[in-house]
């Protein structure tokens, strides 16, 4: 039974990792990121919901009187 030749495995794996790294760098470099991201205040983003205008009470089934 012939012996498996593993002499080229190292260079194959290293070249594959380098190629994947370069491809990832090229893919990431296509995106335009903002220079200084700033947080928007949450108060300006809040929109009033119709159910927040009135008070509602939620009854738990266990707190209701037995029927």
C-alpha atoms as a PDB file:
ATOM      1  CA  UNK A   1       0.000   0.000   0.000  1.00  0.00           C
ATOM      2  CA  UNK A   2       1.562   3.344  -1.036  1.00  0.00           C
ATOM      3  CA  UNK A   3       2.415   5.952   1.561  1.00  0.00           C
ATOM      4  CA  UNK A   4       0.427   9.203   1.481  1.00  0.00           C
ATOM      5  CA  UNK A   5       2.644  12.085   0.378  1.00  0.00           C
ATOM      6  CA  UNK A   6       2.077  14.993   2.796  1.00  0.00           C
ATOM      7  CA  UNK A   7       5.048  17.115   1.751  1.00  0.00           C
ATOM      8  CA  UNK A   8       2.916  19.660  -0.132  1.00  0.00           C
ATOM      9  CA  UNK A   9       0.200  20.026   2.496  1.00  0.00           C
ATOM     10  CA  UNK A  10       1.905  22.834   4.396  1.00  0.00           C
ATOM     11  CA  UNK A  11       2.379  25.117   1.387  1.00  0.00           C
ATOM     12  CA  UNK A  12      -1.147  24.342   0.178  1.00  0.00           C
ATOM     13  CA  UNK A  13      -2.745  25.235   3.516  1.00  0.00           C
ATOM     14  CA  UNK A  14      -0.637  28.376   3.986  1.00  0.00           C
ATOM     15  CA  UNK A  15      -1.354  29.641   0.475  1.00  0.00           C
ATOM     16  CA  UNK A  16      -5.066  28.965   0.968  1.00  0.00           C
ATOM     17  CA  UNK A  17      -5.122  30.951   4.225  1.00  0.00           C
ATOM     18  CA  UNK A  18      -3.231  33.855   2.629  1.00  0.00           C
ATOM     19  CA  UNK A  19      -5.596  33.865  -0.351  1.00  0.00           C
ATOM     20  CA  UNK A  20      -8.672  33.872   1.890  1.00  0.00           C
ATOM     21  CA  UNK A  21      -7.199  36.709   3.954  1.00  0.00           C
ATOM     22  CA  UNK A  22      -6.520  38.818   0.849  1.00  0.00           C
ATOM     23  CA  UNK A  23      -9.994  38.156  -0.554  1.00  0.00           C
ATOM     24  CA  UNK A  24     -11.565  39.118   2.769  1.00  0.00           C
ATOM     25  CA  UNK A  25      -9.534  42.333   2.887  1.00  0.00           C
ATOM     26  CA  UNK A  26     -10.589  43.238  -0.647  1.00  0.00           C
ATOM     27  CA  UNK A  27     -14.228  42.550   0.138  1.00  0.00           C
ATOM     28  CA  UNK A  28     -14.160  44.645   3.326  1.00  0.00           C
ATOM     29  CA  UNK A  29     -12.308  47.533   1.662  1.00  0.00           C
ATOM     30  CA  UNK A  30     -15.208  48.127  -0.763  1.00  0.00           C
ATOM     31  CA  UNK A  31     -17.493  49.405   2.015  1.00  0.00           C
ATOM     32  CA  UNK A  32     -17.522  53.101   2.907  1.00  0.00           C
ATOM     33  CA  UNK A  33     -17.639  53.571   6.661  1.00  0.00           C
ATOM     34  CA  UNK A  34     -18.471  56.921   8.317  1.00  0.00           C
ATOM     35  CA  UNK A  35     -15.515  58.754   9.824  1.00  0.00           C
ATOM     36  CA  UNK A  36     -17.114  59.615  13.142  1.00  0.00           C
ATOM     37  CA  UNK A  37     -20.278  57.709  13.973  1.00  0.00           C
ATOM     38  CA  UNK A  38     -22.446  59.581  16.453  1.00  0.00           C
ATOM     39  CA  UNK A  39     -25.310  58.313  18.561  1.00  0.00           C
ATOM     40  CA  UNK A  40     -28.684  59.792  17.795  1.00  0.00           C
ATOM     41  CA  UNK A  41     -30.726  60.918  20.799  1.00  0.00           C
ATOM     42  CA  UNK A  42     -33.491  58.438  21.546  1.00  0.00           C
ATOM     43  CA  UNK A  43     -36.020  61.140  22.400  1.00  0.00           C
ATOM     44  CA  UNK A  44     -36.162  62.314  18.794  1.00  0.00           C
ATOM     45  CA  UNK A  45     -36.684  58.795  17.499  1.00  0.00           C
ATOM     46  CA  UNK A  46     -39.608  57.976  19.797  1.00  0.00           C
ATOM     47  CA  UNK A  47     -42.999  58.061  18.136  1.00  0.00           C
ATOM     48  CA  UNK A  48     -46.211  58.110  20.151  1.00  0.00           C
ATOM     49  CA  UNK A  49     -48.237  54.926  20.003  1.00  0.00           C
ATOM     50  CA  UNK A  50     -52.035  55.032  20.182  1.00  0.00           C
ATOM     51  CA  UNK A  51     -52.141  52.686  23.168  1.00  0.00           C
ATOM     52  CA  UNK A  52     -49.845  54.941  25.214  1.00  0.00           C
ATOM     53  CA  UNK A  53     -52.432  57.749  25.305  1.00  0.00           C
ATOM     54  CA  UNK A  54     -54.855  55.949  27.595  1.00  0.00           C
ATOM     55  CA  UNK A  55     -54.501  53.821  30.685  1.00  0.00           C
ATOM     56  CA  UNK A  56     -55.327  50.161  30.324  1.00  0.00           C
ATOM     57  CA  UNK A  57     -55.451  47.426  32.897  1.00  0.00           C
ATOM     58  CA  UNK A  58     -54.525  43.855  32.134  1.00  0.00           C
ATOM     59  CA  UNK A  59     -56.281  41.247  34.243  1.00  0.00           C
ATOM     60  CA  UNK A  60     -54.413  38.109  35.082  1.00  0.00           C
ATOM     61  CA  UNK A  61     -56.567  34.959  34.876  1.00  0.00           C
ATOM     62  CA  UNK A  62     -55.475  34.004  38.395  1.00  0.00           C
ATOM     63  CA  UNK A  63     -56.659  37.300  39.892  1.00  0.00           C
ATOM     64  CA  UNK A  64     -60.182  37.012  38.500  1.00  0.00           C
ATOM     65  CA  UNK A  65     -62.902  35.752  40.866  1.00  0.00           C
ATOM     66  CA  UNK A  66     -63.825  32.081  40.403  1.00  0.00           C
ATOM     67  CA  UNK A  67     -66.849  31.481  38.240  1.00  0.00           C
END
